[in-house]
Amino acid sequence: MTTAIVIIYQKGKREEPYHKVMVDHQTDPIVLETEKFGRIKVSHNEDPGGRAYAEVNGLVFSAKPDFNYEIQLNTDSYLSIQHERVER
């Protein structure tokens, strides 16, 4: 099974993110209303080894478990989607 970690952070400050959300296939979608980024929705599909999704102001980003995803949102902010394998 995988847990997805979605991080939104300022360039050079990944260890001090603006937002950090963890989801897996049993987690309901998490919605954050933020001043800087607007509406952020983080979710995971129902498959334990499936995709994670991050929606930021209507733009949807997704990543498979074996693929870590990172994109620049604006001049100084980044979005990262990572997966960690966990045993239950």
N, C-alpha and C. Protein backbone atom coordinates (compact mmCIF):
# COMPACT_ATOMS: atom_id res chain seq x y z
N MET A 1 0.84 -1.18 0.00
CA MET A 1 0.00 0.00 0.00
C MET A 1 0.89 1.24 0.00
N THR A 2 0.39 2.32 -0.57
CA THR A 2 1.16 3.56 -0.58
C THR A 2 0.38 4.68 0.09
N THR A 3 1.12 5.59 0.68
CA THR A 3 0.58 6.84 1.20
C THR A 3 1.17 7.95 0.36
N ALA A 4 0.32 8.86 -0.08
CA ALA A 4 0.80 9.99 -0.88
C ALA A 4 1.00 11.20 0.02
N ILE A 5 2.07 11.91 -0.24
CA ILE A 5 2.37 13.13 0.50
C ILE A 5 2.40 14.27 -0.51
N VAL A 6 1.53 15.24 -0.30
CA VAL A 6 1.46 16.41 -1.18
C VAL A 6 1.99 17.60 -0.39
N ILE A 7 3.00 18.26 -0.95
CA ILE A 7 3.64 19.38 -0.28
C ILE A 7 3.62 20.59 -1.21
N ILE A 8 3.25 21.74 -0.66
CA ILE A 8 3.38 23.00 -1.39
C ILE A 8 4.35 23.84 -0.57
N TYR A 9 5.42 24.27 -1.23
CA TYR A 9 6.49 24.94 -0.48
C TYR A 9 7.11 26.07 -1.30
N GLN A 10 7.80 26.94 -0.57
CA GLN A 10 8.52 28.04 -1.20
C GLN A 10 9.89 27.54 -1.66
N LYS A 11 10.35 28.05 -2.77
CA LYS A 11 11.65 27.65 -3.32
C LYS A 11 12.72 27.74 -2.23
N GLY A 12 13.47 26.65 -2.06
CA GLY A 12 14.54 26.62 -1.08
C GLY A 12 14.10 26.33 0.34
N LYS A 13 12.80 26.16 0.58
CA LYS A 13 12.30 25.94 1.93
C LYS A 13 11.38 24.73 1.99
N ARG A 14 11.77 23.65 1.34
CA ARG A 14 10.95 22.43 1.30
C ARG A 14 10.69 21.87 2.69
N GLU A 15 11.63 22.05 3.61
CA GLU A 15 11.49 21.52 4.97
C GLU A 15 10.50 22.33 5.81
N GLU A 16 10.11 23.50 5.33
CA GLU A 16 9.14 24.36 6.02
C GLU A 16 7.99 24.68 5.05
N PRO A 17 7.20 23.67 4.67
CA PRO A 17 6.19 23.88 3.63
C PRO A 17 5.04 24.78 4.06
N TYR A 18 4.42 25.40 3.07
CA TYR A 18 3.17 26.13 3.31
C TYR A 18 2.08 25.13 3.73
N HIS A 19 2.02 24.01 2.99
CA HIS A 19 1.00 22.99 3.25
C HIS A 19 1.60 21.61 3.02
N LYS A 20 1.22 20.66 3.88
CA LYS A 20 1.65 19.27 3.72
C LYS A 20 0.45 18.40 4.08
N VAL A 21 0.02 17.55 3.14
CA VAL A 21 -1.16 16.72 3.33
C VAL A 21 -0.80 15.28 2.96
N MET A 22 -1.23 14.33 3.79
CA MET A 22 -1.01 12.91 3.52
C MET A 22 -2.35 12.23 3.30
N VAL A 23 -2.44 11.43 2.23
CA VAL A 23 -3.67 10.70 1.92
C VAL A 23 -3.32 9.29 1.45
N ASP A 24 -4.28 8.38 1.63
CA ASP A 24 -4.15 7.05 1.04
C ASP A 24 -5.51 6.67 0.48
N HIS A 25 -5.65 5.42 0.06
CA HIS A 25 -6.88 4.99 -0.62
C HIS A 25 -8.10 4.98 0.30
N GLN A 26 -7.91 5.08 1.61
CA GLN A 26 -9.03 5.09 2.55
C GLN A 26 -9.38 6.49 3.04
N THR A 27 -8.62 7.48 2.63
CA THR A 27 -8.81 8.86 3.09
C THR A 27 -9.83 9.57 2.20
N ASP A 28 -10.78 10.26 2.82
CA ASP A 28 -11.68 11.12 2.05
C ASP A 28 -10.87 12.30 1.51
N PRO A 29 -11.29 12.88 0.39
CA PRO A 29 -10.58 14.05 -0.13
C PRO A 29 -10.46 15.15 0.93
N ILE A 30 -9.33 15.80 0.95
CA ILE A 30 -9.06 16.88 1.90
C ILE A 30 -9.05 18.19 1.12
N VAL A 31 -9.83 19.16 1.60
CA VAL A 31 -9.93 20.45 0.92
C VAL A 31 -9.43 21.54 1.86
N LEU A 32 -8.52 22.35 1.35
CA LEU A 32 -7.99 23.50 2.10
C LEU A 32 -8.35 24.77 1.33
N GLU A 33 -8.86 25.75 2.04
CA GLU A 33 -9.09 27.07 1.44
C GLU A 33 -7.95 27.96 1.90
N THR A 34 -7.08 28.37 0.97
CA THR A 34 -5.90 29.13 1.35
C THR A 34 -5.93 30.51 0.72
N GLU A 35 -5.28 31.44 1.38
CA GLU A 35 -5.21 32.80 0.86
C GLU A 35 -4.24 32.88 -0.31
N LYS A 36 -3.11 32.22 -0.19
CA LYS A 36 -2.06 32.31 -1.21
C LYS A 36 -2.35 31.49 -2.46
N PHE A 37 -2.94 30.30 -2.31
CA PHE A 37 -3.12 29.39 -3.44
C PHE A 37 -4.58 29.13 -3.79
N GLY A 38 -5.52 29.71 -3.09
CA GLY A 38 -6.92 29.44 -3.34
C GLY A 38 -7.31 28.08 -2.80
N ARG A 39 -8.18 27.40 -3.51
CA ARG A 39 -8.69 26.09 -3.07
C ARG A 39 -7.72 24.99 -3.47
N ILE A 40 -7.36 24.16 -2.49
CA ILE A 40 -6.49 23.00 -2.74
C ILE A 40 -7.27 21.76 -2.32
N LYS A 41 -7.37 20.80 -3.22
CA LYS A 41 -8.05 19.53 -2.91
C LYS A 41 -7.06 18.39 -3.16
N VAL A 42 -6.86 17.56 -2.14
CA VAL A 42 -5.93 16.44 -2.24
C VAL A 42 -6.72 15.15 -2.07
N SER A 43 -6.50 14.19 -2.97
CA SER A 43 -7.23 12.93 -2.90
C SER A 43 -6.38 11.78 -3.44
N HIS A 44 -6.91 10.59 -3.27
CA HIS A 44 -6.23 9.36 -3.72
C HIS A 44 -7.32 8.46 -4.28
N ASN A 45 -7.03 7.72 -5.36
CA ASN A 45 -8.08 6.84 -5.86
C ASN A 45 -8.25 5.64 -4.92
N GLU A 46 -9.24 4.80 -5.18
CA GLU A 46 -9.60 3.74 -4.23
C GLU A 46 -8.68 2.53 -4.26
N ASP A 47 -7.77 2.49 -5.20
CA ASP A 47 -6.80 1.39 -5.30
C ASP A 47 -5.65 1.65 -4.32
N PRO A 48 -5.30 0.68 -3.45
CA PRO A 48 -4.21 0.90 -2.49
C PRO A 48 -2.87 1.27 -3.14
N GLY A 49 -2.67 0.89 -4.36
CA GLY A 49 -1.44 1.24 -5.06
C GLY A 49 -1.67 2.24 -6.17
N GLY A 50 -2.71 3.06 -6.03
CA GLY A 50 -3.13 3.94 -7.11
C GLY A 50 -2.56 5.34 -7.08
N ARG A 51 -3.16 6.18 -7.91
CA ARG A 51 -2.72 7.56 -8.09
C ARG A 51 -3.17 8.48 -6.96
N ALA A 52 -2.37 9.52 -6.76
CA ALA A 52 -2.74 10.62 -5.87
C ALA A 52 -3.01 11.83 -6.75
N TYR A 53 -3.91 12.70 -6.28
CA TYR A 53 -4.30 13.88 -7.04
C TYR A 53 -4.19 15.12 -6.16
N ALA A 54 -3.76 16.21 -6.76
CA ALA A 54 -3.75 17.50 -6.09
C ALA A 54 -4.36 18.51 -7.07
N GLU A 55 -5.43 19.15 -6.64
CA GLU A 55 -6.08 20.17 -7.46
C GLU A 55 -5.82 21.52 -6.82
N VAL A 56 -5.23 22.43 -7.58
CA VAL A 56 -4.92 23.77 -7.09
C VAL A 56 -5.59 24.76 -8.02
N ASN A 57 -6.60 25.46 -7.50
CA ASN A 57 -7.35 26.45 -8.30
C ASN A 57 -7.83 25.89 -9.64
N GLY A 58 -8.35 24.67 -9.62
CA GLY A 58 -8.92 24.07 -10.81
C GLY A 58 -7.93 23.29 -11.67
N LEU A 59 -6.64 23.42 -11.44
CA LEU A 59 -5.64 22.65 -12.17
C LEU A 59 -5.37 21.35 -11.41
N VAL A 60 -5.45 20.22 -12.11
CA VAL A 60 -5.29 18.92 -11.45
C VAL A 60 -3.94 18.31 -11.82
N PHE A 61 -3.21 17.89 -10.81
CA PHE A 61 -1.93 17.21 -10.98
C PHE A 61 -2.07 15.83 -10.36
N SER A 62 -1.45 14.82 -10.96
CA SER A 62 -1.53 13.48 -10.38
C SER A 62 -0.21 12.76 -10.56
N ALA A 63 -0.01 11.74 -9.71
CA ALA A 63 1.22 10.95 -9.80
C ALA A 63 0.93 9.51 -9.42
N LYS A 64 1.55 8.59 -10.14
CA LYS A 64 1.48 7.17 -9.82
C LYS A 64 2.46 6.88 -8.68
N PRO A 65 2.30 5.76 -8.00
CA PRO A 65 3.18 5.44 -6.87
C PRO A 65 4.67 5.39 -7.19
N ASP A 66 5.06 4.95 -8.36
CA ASP A 66 6.48 4.85 -8.66
C ASP A 66 7.02 6.10 -9.35
N PHE A 67 6.27 7.18 -9.30
CA PHE A 67 6.66 8.41 -9.98
C PHE A 67 6.42 9.59 -9.06
N ASN A 68 7.48 10.23 -8.59
CA ASN A 68 7.34 11.44 -7.79
C ASN A 68 7.22 12.62 -8.74
N TYR A 69 6.32 13.54 -8.42
CA TYR A 69 5.95 14.63 -9.32
C TYR A 69 6.27 15.95 -8.64
N GLU A 70 6.84 16.87 -9.39
CA GLU A 70 7.09 18.20 -8.85
C GLU A 70 6.89 19.21 -9.97
N ILE A 71 6.20 20.31 -9.64
CA ILE A 71 5.94 21.35 -10.63
C ILE A 71 6.00 22.72 -9.96
N GLN A 72 6.43 23.71 -10.71
CA GLN A 72 6.48 25.07 -10.21
C GLN A 72 5.10 25.69 -10.40
N LEU A 73 4.50 26.18 -9.30
CA LEU A 73 3.17 26.78 -9.36
C LEU A 73 3.21 28.24 -9.76
N ASN A 74 4.19 28.97 -9.24
CA ASN A 74 4.36 30.37 -9.59
C ASN A 74 5.84 30.71 -9.44
N THR A 75 6.18 31.98 -9.36
CA THR A 75 7.60 32.35 -9.38
C THR A 75 8.42 31.78 -8.23
N ASP A 76 7.81 31.53 -7.08
CA ASP A 76 8.61 31.03 -5.95
C ASP A 76 7.99 29.84 -5.22
N SER A 77 6.95 29.23 -5.76
CA SER A 77 6.28 28.13 -5.06
C SER A 77 6.22 26.88 -5.92
N TYR A 78 6.33 25.73 -5.25
CA TYR A 78 6.34 24.44 -5.92
C TYR A 78 5.32 23.50 -5.29
N LEU A 79 4.84 22.54 -6.08
CA LEU A 79 3.97 21.48 -5.61
C LEU A 79 4.70 20.16 -5.85
N SER A 80 4.71 19.31 -4.83
CA SER A 80 5.36 18.01 -4.94
C SER A 80 4.37 16.92 -4.51
N ILE A 81 4.31 15.83 -5.28
CA ILE A 81 3.53 14.65 -4.90
C ILE A 81 4.50 13.48 -4.82
N GLN A 82 4.59 12.88 -3.64
CA GLN A 82 5.48 11.74 -3.42
C GLN A 82 4.65 10.58 -2.89
N HIS A 83 5.16 9.39 -3.04
CA HIS A 83 4.52 8.21 -2.46
C HIS A 83 5.50 7.49 -1.55
N GLU A 84 5.00 6.99 -0.44
CA GLU A 84 5.79 6.16 0.45
C GLU A 84 5.07 4.84 0.62
N ARG A 85 5.78 3.77 0.51
CA ARG A 85 5.19 2.44 0.73
C ARG A 85 5.10 2.19 2.23
N VAL A 86 3.94 1.72 2.66
CA VAL A 86 3.74 1.40 4.07
C VAL A 86 3.14 0.01 4.18
N GLU A 87 3.53 -0.70 5.20
CA GLU A 87 2.99 -2.03 5.47
C GLU A 87 1.95 -1.92 6.56
N ARG A 88 0.84 -2.59 6.38
CA ARG A 88 -0.21 -2.57 7.42
C ARG A 88 -0.56 -3.96 7.80
